[in-house]
Amino acid sequence: MESIKPLLMSLLTIGAVTIAGWTGTLASFSDTEISSGNYLEADRLDLKVGWDEYYNGNHIEHKDPTDDPGPIFYLDDIVPGDYGEATIILYVDSQTINPLVSMIIEVKSNDENVATDAEKDANDNDDNPEDQWDGELAQNINVVIWYDIYDEGDSDTDQDGITEYPGDNIQDPTEPVIYDGSLYNLVDPTTHTFSIDLDADPYTQVVDLFEPGKYYYIGFSWKLPSNVGDIVQTDTCTFDITFTATQT
């Protein structure tokens, strides 16, 4: 038995050396690829508002589309027979987003302000300082809101020989009307608001989304009838126009 033990040890040693030599020469194919410089950036959705405004037939203001438009209408001395119009310019700044654009008009007050003798003679009441809704101006201001249609390069010459363009401050009979009536009746009597999803192409059967990089126009005209009388003297009316662009 003692002669066998050295023999087994020799065989184990030879086997270990053989295995070590075999594993040392073992090889396999490999390949490595790296995707570097990955980058993500969110798109933007920026609605800009501008306008072109006339008062009693005279051009009084133009404002390019901006993020801070301020008041479109600011007149503190209108009289019976006065009229005005602003064509509101809407522009969507985005790379890929076609948003739904909504308009909300909110009448904030319709105040008597100060009741003059002439107003009282017209059976108007004294002003209530705590009541912002005791005036008559909103009831007597007539407004028309319409789509002054965007159509790049489009123009039309009417029967009077006047060439009309989208966004030209002219209400063409073919342009769809959003509202025609008093400012008072435009808004809900409880919330004092009016809202609508604007249609990029109001001639279709669905509400079309706005396209980025294009200009769209909403006409907004007003008139104080010449026969309104003294009941609106010193009355004030304030309202906000809010435009919202939403990704759908």
C-alpha atoms as a PDB file:
ATOM      1  CA  MET A   1       0.000   0.000   0.000  1.00  0.00           C
ATOM      2  CA  GLU A   2       2.844   2.355   0.764  1.00  0.00           C
ATOM      3  CA  SER A   3       4.121   1.974  -2.832  1.00  0.00           C
ATOM      4  CA  ILE A   4       0.718   2.977  -4.249  1.00  0.00           C
ATOM      5  CA  LYS A   5       0.458   6.275  -2.305  1.00  0.00           C
ATOM      6  CA  PRO A   6       3.436   7.920  -4.031  1.00  0.00           C
ATOM      7  CA  LEU A   7       2.029   6.796  -7.369  1.00  0.00           C
ATOM      8  CA  LEU A   8      -1.377   8.380  -6.691  1.00  0.00           C
ATOM      9  CA  MET A   9       0.244  11.613  -5.569  1.00  0.00           C
ATOM     10  CA  SER A  10       2.242  11.701  -8.791  1.00  0.00           C
ATOM     11  CA  LEU A  11      -0.895  11.171 -10.905  1.00  0.00           C
ATOM     12  CA  LEU A  12      -2.790  13.927  -9.064  1.00  0.00           C
ATOM     13  CA  THR A  13       0.113  16.309  -9.520  1.00  0.00           C
ATOM     14  CA  ILE A  14       0.314  15.597 -13.266  1.00  0.00           C
ATOM     15  CA  GLY A  15      -3.488  16.058 -13.612  1.00  0.00           C
ATOM     16  CA  ALA A  16      -3.450  19.392 -11.775  1.00  0.00           C
ATOM     17  CA  VAL A  17      -0.640  20.679 -13.942  1.00  0.00           C
ATOM     18  CA  THR A  18      -2.466  19.554 -17.086  1.00  0.00           C
ATOM     19  CA  ILE A  19      -5.709  21.271 -16.064  1.00  0.00           C
ATOM     20  CA  ALA A  20      -3.885  24.458 -15.116  1.00  0.00           C
ATOM     21  CA  GLY A  21      -2.198  24.514 -18.464  1.00  0.00           C
ATOM     22  CA  TRP A  22      -5.515  23.982 -20.321  1.00  0.00           C
ATOM     23  CA  THR A  23      -7.409  26.750 -18.512  1.00  0.00           C
ATOM     24  CA  GLY A  24      -4.586  29.150 -19.129  1.00  0.00           C
ATOM     25  CA  THR A  25      -4.991  28.868 -22.902  1.00  0.00           C
ATOM     26  CA  LEU A  26      -8.879  29.073 -22.919  1.00  0.00           C
ATOM     27  CA  ALA A  27     -10.250  32.163 -24.866  1.00  0.00           C
ATOM     28  CA  SER A  28     -13.720  33.513 -26.073  1.00  0.00           C
ATOM     29  CA  PHE A  29     -14.924  36.278 -28.451  1.00  0.00           C
ATOM     30  CA  SER A  30     -16.185  39.595 -26.966  1.00  0.00           C
ATOM     31  CA  ASP A  31     -17.281  43.014 -28.199  1.00  0.00           C
ATOM     32  CA  THR A  32     -18.249  46.200 -26.339  1.00  0.00           C
ATOM     33  CA  GLU A  33     -20.233  49.152 -27.694  1.00  0.00           C
ATOM     34  CA  ILE A  34     -20.999  52.376 -25.770  1.00  0.00           C
ATOM     35  CA  SER A  35     -23.867  54.755 -26.528  1.00  0.00           C
ATOM     36  CA  SER A  36     -22.547  58.054 -25.211  1.00  0.00           C
ATOM     37  CA  GLY A  37     -23.867  61.588 -25.168  1.00  0.00           C
ATOM     38  CA  ASN A  38     -27.525  60.726 -24.600  1.00  0.00           C
ATOM     39  CA  TYR A  39     -29.600  63.934 -24.161  1.00  0.00           C
ATOM     40  CA  LEU A  40     -33.190  64.806 -23.425  1.00  0.00           C
ATOM     41  CA  GLU A  41     -34.770  68.246 -23.648  1.00  0.00           C
ATOM     42  CA  ALA A  42     -38.427  69.081 -23.127  1.00  0.00           C
ATOM     43  CA  ASP A  43     -40.319  70.951 -25.816  1.00  0.00           C
ATOM     44  CA  ARG A  44     -41.845  74.325 -24.980  1.00  0.00           C
ATOM     45  CA  LEU A  45     -45.406  75.589 -25.216  1.00  0.00           C
ATOM     46  CA  ASP A  46     -45.559  79.366 -25.139  1.00  0.00           C
ATOM     47  CA  LEU A  47     -48.716  81.199 -26.220  1.00  0.00           C
ATOM     48  CA  LYS A  48     -48.154  84.824 -27.172  1.00  0.00           C
ATOM     49  CA  VAL A  49     -50.861  87.487 -27.496  1.00  0.00           C
ATOM     50  CA  GLY A  50     -50.817  90.755 -29.430  1.00  0.00           C
ATOM     51  CA  TRP A  51     -53.344  92.997 -31.140  1.00  0.00           C
ATOM     52  CA  ASP A  52     -54.057  95.746 -33.622  1.00  0.00           C
ATOM     53  CA  GLU A  53     -56.596  98.318 -32.389  1.00  0.00           C
ATOM     54  CA  TYR A  54     -58.823 101.022 -33.866  1.00  0.00           C
ATOM     55  CA  TYR A  55     -60.977 103.617 -32.103  1.00  0.00           C
ATOM     56  CA  ASN A  56     -63.648 105.551 -34.010  1.00  0.00           C
ATOM     57  CA  GLY A  57     -61.983 104.499 -37.256  1.00  0.00           C
ATOM     58  CA  ASN A  58     -58.492 105.654 -36.225  1.00  0.00           C
ATOM     59  CA  HIS A  59     -55.608 103.288 -35.652  1.00  0.00           C
ATOM     60  CA  ILE A  60     -54.423 103.783 -32.064  1.00  0.00           C
ATOM     61  CA  GLU A  61     -52.203 100.834 -31.158  1.00  0.00           C
ATOM     62  CA  HIS A  62     -50.333  97.803 -32.443  1.00  0.00           C
ATOM     63  CA  LYS A  63     -48.700  95.290 -30.145  1.00  0.00           C
ATOM     64  CA  ASP A  64     -46.665  92.365 -31.381  1.00  0.00           C
ATOM     65  CA  PRO A  65     -47.429  88.996 -29.759  1.00  0.00           C
ATOM     66  CA  THR A  66     -45.883  88.881 -26.294  1.00  0.00           C
ATOM     67  CA  ASP A  67     -46.036  86.984 -23.009  1.00  0.00           C
ATOM     68  CA  ASP A  68     -47.224  90.079 -21.131  1.00  0.00           C
ATOM     69  CA  PRO A  69     -49.894  91.762 -23.267  1.00  0.00           C
ATOM     70  CA  GLY A  70     -51.544  93.961 -20.643  1.00  0.00           C
ATOM     71  CA  PRO A  71     -54.988  95.487 -21.331  1.00  0.00           C
ATOM     72  CA  ILE A  72     -56.165  95.391 -24.927  1.00  0.00           C
ATOM     73  CA  PHE A  73     -58.886  97.985 -24.345  1.00  0.00           C
ATOM     74  CA  TYR A  74     -58.306 100.946 -22.025  1.00  0.00           C
ATOM     75  CA  LEU A  75     -60.591 103.907 -22.721  1.00  0.00           C
ATOM     76  CA  ASP A  76     -61.826 106.248 -20.024  1.00  0.00           C
ATOM     77  CA  ASP A  77     -63.914 108.774 -21.944  1.00  0.00           C
ATOM     78  CA  ILE A  78     -66.202 106.976 -24.390  1.00  0.00           C
ATOM     79  CA  VAL A  79     -69.458 108.713 -25.383  1.00  0.00           C
ATOM     80  CA  PRO A  80     -72.617 107.620 -27.205  1.00  0.00           C
ATOM     81  CA  GLY A  81     -71.831 106.765 -30.811  1.00  0.00           C
ATOM     82  CA  ASP A  82     -68.245 105.688 -30.126  1.00  0.00           C
ATOM     83  CA  TYR A  83     -66.998 102.380 -31.484  1.00  0.00           C
ATOM     84  CA  GLY A  84     -63.785 100.425 -31.626  1.00  0.00           C
ATOM     85  CA  GLU A  85     -62.189  97.162 -32.644  1.00  0.00           C
ATOM     86  CA  ALA A  86     -59.127  95.128 -31.813  1.00  0.00           C
ATOM     87  CA  THR A  87     -57.985  92.164 -33.828  1.00  0.00           C
ATOM     88  CA  ILE A  88     -56.286  89.893 -31.317  1.00  0.00           C
ATOM     89  CA  ILE A  89     -53.212  88.071 -32.576  1.00  0.00           C
ATOM     90  CA  LEU A  90     -52.444  84.600 -31.207  1.00  0.00           C
ATOM     91  CA  TYR A  91     -49.148  82.843 -31.808  1.00  0.00           C
ATOM     92  CA  VAL A  92     -48.023  79.444 -30.503  1.00  0.00           C
ATOM     93  CA  ASP A  93     -44.291  79.082 -29.925  1.00  0.00           C
ATOM     94  CA  SER A  94     -43.459  75.360 -29.888  1.00  0.00           C
ATOM     95  CA  GLN A  95     -41.517  72.827 -31.910  1.00  0.00           C
ATOM     96  CA  THR A  96     -43.989  69.958 -32.049  1.00  0.00           C
ATOM     97  CA  ILE A  97     -47.064  70.703 -29.892  1.00  0.00           C
ATOM     98  CA  ASN A  98     -50.402  71.480 -31.497  1.00  0.00           C
ATOM     99  CA  PRO A  99     -52.365  72.834 -28.525  1.00  0.00           C
ATOM    100  CA  LEU A 100     -56.002  73.446 -27.828  1.00  0.00           C
ATOM    101  CA  VAL A 101     -56.402  77.205 -27.317  1.00  0.00           C
ATOM    102  CA  SER A 102     -59.229  78.484 -25.128  1.00  0.00           C
ATOM    103  CA  MET A 103     -60.567  81.981 -24.505  1.00  0.00           C
ATOM    104  CA  ILE A 104     -62.249  83.092 -21.283  1.00  0.00           C
ATOM    105  CA  ILE A 105     -63.855  86.517 -20.898  1.00  0.00           C
ATOM    106  CA  GLU A 106     -64.678  87.522 -17.352  1.00  0.00           C
ATOM    107  CA  VAL A 107     -66.534  90.722 -16.529  1.00  0.00           C
ATOM    108  CA  LYS A 108     -65.021  91.885 -13.232  1.00  0.00           C
ATOM    109  CA  SER A 109     -67.327  94.815 -12.545  1.00  0.00           C
ATOM    110  CA  ASN A 110     -70.177  96.866 -14.013  1.00  0.00           C
ATOM    111  CA  ASP A 111     -70.232  99.815 -11.660  1.00  0.00           C
ATOM    112  CA  GLU A 112     -72.432 102.892 -11.391  1.00  0.00           C
ATOM    113  CA  ASN A 113     -69.375 104.834 -10.247  1.00  0.00           C
ATOM    114  CA  VAL A 114     -71.018 108.258  -9.730  1.00  0.00           C
ATOM    115  CA  ALA A 115     -74.676 109.036 -10.387  1.00  0.00           C
ATOM    116  CA  THR A 116     -74.822 112.427 -12.081  1.00  0.00           C
ATOM    117  CA  ASP A 117     -77.905 114.653 -12.122  1.00  0.00           C
ATOM    118  CA  ALA A 118     -78.455 113.692 -15.747  1.00  0.00           C
ATOM    119  CA  GLU A 119     -78.434 110.013 -14.798  1.00  0.00           C
ATOM    120  CA  LYS A 120     -80.922 110.611 -12.014  1.00  0.00           C
ATOM    121  CA  ASP A 121     -83.148 112.496 -14.443  1.00  0.00           C
ATOM    122  CA  ALA A 122     -82.980 109.316 -16.581  1.00  0.00           C
ATOM    123  CA  ASN A 123     -84.353 107.372 -13.575  1.00  0.00           C
ATOM    124  CA  ASP A 124     -80.990 105.965 -12.593  1.00  0.00           C
ATOM    125  CA  ASN A 125     -80.234 105.260  -8.933  1.00  0.00           C
ATOM    126  CA  ASP A 126     -77.483 106.621  -6.738  1.00  0.00           C
ATOM    127  CA  ASP A 127     -74.271 104.641  -6.673  1.00  0.00           C
ATOM    128  CA  ASN A 128     -73.883 101.990  -4.005  1.00  0.00           C
ATOM    129  CA  PRO A 129     -70.163 102.062  -3.079  1.00  0.00           C
ATOM    130  CA  GLU A 130     -70.331  98.447  -1.927  1.00  0.00           C
ATOM    131  CA  ASP A 131     -71.959  97.187  -5.132  1.00  0.00           C
ATOM    132  CA  GLN A 132     -69.740  96.692  -8.173  1.00  0.00           C
ATOM    133  CA  TRP A 133     -72.669  95.556 -10.317  1.00  0.00           C
ATOM    134  CA  ASP A 134     -75.099  98.492 -10.151  1.00  0.00           C
ATOM    135  CA  GLY A 135     -74.069 100.115 -13.465  1.00  0.00           C
ATOM    136  CA  GLU A 136     -75.607 100.004 -16.941  1.00  0.00           C
ATOM    137  CA  LEU A 137     -72.603 100.223 -19.259  1.00  0.00           C
ATOM    138  CA  ALA A 138     -72.180  96.484 -19.876  1.00  0.00           C
ATOM    139  CA  GLN A 139     -75.874  96.204 -20.778  1.00  0.00           C
ATOM    140  CA  ASN A 140     -75.448  98.898 -23.434  1.00  0.00           C
ATOM    141  CA  ILE A 141     -72.065  98.027 -24.922  1.00  0.00           C
ATOM    142  CA  ASN A 142     -72.639  95.912 -28.019  1.00  0.00           C
ATOM    143  CA  VAL A 143     -69.799  93.548 -28.921  1.00  0.00           C
ATOM    144  CA  VAL A 144     -69.075  91.251 -31.836  1.00  0.00           C
ATOM    145  CA  ILE A 145     -66.435  88.536 -31.589  1.00  0.00           C
ATOM    146  CA  TRP A 146     -65.468  86.602 -34.691  1.00  0.00           C
ATOM    147  CA  TYR A 147     -62.761  84.533 -36.369  1.00  0.00           C
ATOM    148  CA  ASP A 148     -60.650  86.767 -38.591  1.00  0.00           C
ATOM    149  CA  ILE A 149     -59.539  83.657 -40.420  1.00  0.00           C
ATOM    150  CA  TYR A 150     -55.932  82.612 -40.733  1.00  0.00           C
ATOM    151  CA  ASP A 151     -55.121  81.461 -44.259  1.00  0.00           C
ATOM    152  CA  GLU A 152     -51.574  82.175 -45.333  1.00  0.00           C
ATOM    153  CA  GLY A 153     -51.454  84.197 -48.513  1.00  0.00           C
ATOM    154  CA  ASP A 154     -55.237  84.430 -48.721  1.00  0.00           C
ATOM    155  CA  SER A 155     -56.972  87.649 -49.690  1.00  0.00           C
ATOM    156  CA  ASP A 156     -60.341  88.629 -51.032  1.00  0.00           C
ATOM    157  CA  THR A 157     -61.571  91.747 -52.815  1.00  0.00           C
ATOM    158  CA  ASP A 158     -65.144  92.639 -51.880  1.00  0.00           C
ATOM    159  CA  GLN A 159     -67.729  94.529 -53.903  1.00  0.00           C
ATOM    160  CA  ASP A 160     -66.370  97.872 -52.740  1.00  0.00           C
ATOM    161  CA  GLY A 161     -62.965  97.059 -54.148  1.00  0.00           C
ATOM    162  CA  ILE A 162     -61.392  96.707 -50.687  1.00  0.00           C
ATOM    163  CA  THR A 163     -58.890  93.879 -50.443  1.00  0.00           C
ATOM    164  CA  GLU A 164     -59.340  91.984 -47.193  1.00  0.00           C
ATOM    165  CA  TYR A 165     -56.818  89.775 -45.450  1.00  0.00           C
ATOM    166  CA  PRO A 166     -56.846  87.567 -42.378  1.00  0.00           C
ATOM    167  CA  GLY A 167     -56.271  89.746 -39.332  1.00  0.00           C
ATOM    168  CA  ASP A 168     -57.239  92.952 -41.147  1.00  0.00           C
ATOM    169  CA  ASN A 169     -59.659  94.338 -38.504  1.00  0.00           C
ATOM    170  CA  ILE A 170     -62.565  93.876 -40.910  1.00  0.00           C
ATOM    171  CA  GLN A 171     -65.504  91.576 -40.233  1.00  0.00           C
ATOM    172  CA  ASP A 172     -66.162  89.844 -43.513  1.00  0.00           C
ATOM    173  CA  PRO A 173     -69.669  88.344 -43.882  1.00  0.00           C
ATOM    174  CA  THR A 174     -68.107  84.948 -44.574  1.00  0.00           C
ATOM    175  CA  GLU A 175     -66.102  84.889 -41.344  1.00  0.00           C
ATOM    176  CA  PRO A 176     -67.715  82.838 -38.552  1.00  0.00           C
ATOM    177  CA  VAL A 177     -69.111  84.858 -35.653  1.00  0.00           C
ATOM    178  CA  ILE A 178     -68.479  83.680 -32.095  1.00  0.00           C
ATOM    179  CA  TYR A 179     -70.824  86.168 -30.412  1.00  0.00           C
ATOM    180  CA  ASP A 180     -72.956  89.171 -31.322  1.00  0.00           C
ATOM    181  CA  GLY A 181     -74.821  91.008 -28.549  1.00  0.00           C
ATOM    182  CA  SER A 182     -74.318  93.023 -25.380  1.00  0.00           C
ATOM    183  CA  LEU A 183     -71.289  92.522 -23.183  1.00  0.00           C
ATOM    184  CA  TYR A 184     -73.697  91.953 -20.315  1.00  0.00           C
ATOM    185  CA  ASN A 185     -75.434  89.025 -22.039  1.00  0.00           C
ATOM    186  CA  LEU A 186     -72.153  87.522 -23.232  1.00  0.00           C
ATOM    187  CA  VAL A 187     -71.259  86.200 -19.796  1.00  0.00           C
ATOM    188  CA  ASP A 188     -72.981  83.797 -17.439  1.00  0.00           C
ATOM    189  CA  PRO A 189     -75.029  85.813 -14.915  1.00  0.00           C
ATOM    190  CA  THR A 190     -73.677  83.803 -11.983  1.00  0.00           C
ATOM    191  CA  THR A 191     -69.990  83.428 -12.818  1.00  0.00           C
ATOM    192  CA  HIS A 192     -69.765  86.535 -15.049  1.00  0.00           C
ATOM    193  CA  THR A 193     -67.665  84.486 -17.469  1.00  0.00           C
ATOM    194  CA  PHE A 194     -67.787  83.286 -21.061  1.00  0.00           C
ATOM    195  CA  SER A 195     -65.499  80.521 -22.306  1.00  0.00           C
ATOM    196  CA  ILE A 196     -64.879  78.842 -25.638  1.00  0.00           C
ATOM    197  CA  ASP A 197     -62.349  76.460 -27.169  1.00  0.00           C
ATOM    198  CA  LEU A 198     -61.097  78.373 -30.185  1.00  0.00           C
ATOM    199  CA  ASP A 199     -61.109  76.615 -33.534  1.00  0.00           C
ATOM    200  CA  ALA A 200     -58.054  76.895 -35.758  1.00  0.00           C
ATOM    201  CA  ASP A 201     -60.328  76.155 -38.717  1.00  0.00           C
ATOM    202  CA  PRO A 202     -63.941  76.999 -37.833  1.00  0.00           C
ATOM    203  CA  TYR A 203     -65.198  75.844 -41.221  1.00  0.00           C
ATOM    204  CA  THR A 204     -64.756  72.184 -40.244  1.00  0.00           C
ATOM    205  CA  GLN A 205     -67.067  70.077 -38.077  1.00  0.00           C
ATOM    206  CA  VAL A 206     -64.536  69.608 -35.267  1.00  0.00           C
ATOM    207  CA  VAL A 207     -62.452  71.947 -33.133  1.00  0.00           C
ATOM    208  CA  ASP A 208     -59.064  72.023 -34.829  1.00  0.00           C
ATOM    209  CA  LEU A 209     -55.882  72.490 -32.840  1.00  0.00           C
ATOM    210  CA  PHE A 210     -53.564  75.430 -33.365  1.00  0.00           C
ATOM    211  CA  GLU A 211     -50.338  74.865 -35.274  1.00  0.00           C
ATOM    212  CA  PRO A 212     -47.080  76.226 -33.874  1.00  0.00           C
ATOM    213  CA  GLY A 213     -45.381  78.970 -35.820  1.00  0.00           C
ATOM    214  CA  LYS A 214     -48.587  80.369 -37.330  1.00  0.00           C
ATOM    215  CA  TYR A 215     -50.644  83.462 -36.567  1.00  0.00           C
ATOM    216  CA  TYR A 216     -54.339  83.281 -35.739  1.00  0.00           C
ATOM    217  CA  TYR A 217     -56.722  86.215 -35.386  1.00  0.00           C
ATOM    218  CA  ILE A 218     -59.821  86.919 -33.309  1.00  0.00           C
ATOM    219  CA  GLY A 219     -61.787  90.088 -34.039  1.00  0.00           C
ATOM    220  CA  PHE A 220     -63.383  91.902 -31.101  1.00  0.00           C
ATOM    221  CA  SER A 221     -65.445  95.012 -31.857  1.00  0.00           C
ATOM    222  CA  TRP A 222     -67.566  97.158 -29.546  1.00  0.00           C
ATOM    223  CA  LYS A 223     -69.995 100.033 -29.907  1.00  0.00           C
ATOM    224  CA  LEU A 224     -71.909 102.332 -27.567  1.00  0.00           C
ATOM    225  CA  PRO A 225     -75.136 103.212 -29.401  1.00  0.00           C
ATOM    226  CA  SER A 226     -75.757 106.893 -30.049  1.00  0.00           C
ATOM    227  CA  ASN A 227     -79.244 106.644 -28.549  1.00  0.00           C
ATOM    228  CA  VAL A 228     -78.155 105.134 -25.228  1.00  0.00           C
ATOM    229  CA  GLY A 229     -78.978 108.295 -23.307  1.00  0.00           C
ATOM    230  CA  ASP A 230     -77.592 109.630 -20.044  1.00  0.00           C
ATOM    231  CA  ILE A 231     -78.063 106.452 -18.015  1.00  0.00           C
ATOM    232  CA  VAL A 232     -74.468 105.345 -18.664  1.00  0.00           C
ATOM    233  CA  GLN A 233     -72.747 108.579 -17.690  1.00  0.00           C
ATOM    234  CA  THR A 234     -69.628 107.880 -15.557  1.00  0.00           C
ATOM    235  CA  ASP A 235     -70.424 104.133 -15.459  1.00  0.00           C
ATOM    236  CA  THR A 236     -67.431 101.813 -15.632  1.00  0.00           C
ATOM    237  CA  CYS A 237     -66.995  98.242 -16.811  1.00  0.00           C
ATOM    238  CA  THR A 238     -63.906  96.091 -16.375  1.00  0.00           C
ATOM    239  CA  PHE A 239     -63.211  92.679 -17.864  1.00  0.00           C
ATOM    240  CA  ASP A 240     -60.354  90.235 -18.410  1.00  0.00           C
ATOM    241  CA  ILE A 241     -59.643  88.213 -21.540  1.00  0.00           C
ATOM    242  CA  THR A 242     -57.654  85.067 -20.813  1.00  0.00           C
ATOM    243  CA  PHE A 243     -56.146  82.778 -23.452  1.00  0.00           C
ATOM    244  CA  THR A 244     -54.863  79.311 -22.523  1.00  0.00           C
ATOM    245  CA  ALA A 245     -52.935  76.827 -24.658  1.00  0.00           C
ATOM    246  CA  THR A 246     -53.118  73.190 -23.518  1.00  0.00           C
ATOM    247  CA  GLN A 247     -51.406  70.119 -24.911  1.00  0.00           C
ATOM    248  CA  THR A 248     -54.028  67.465 -25.659  1.00  0.00           C
END
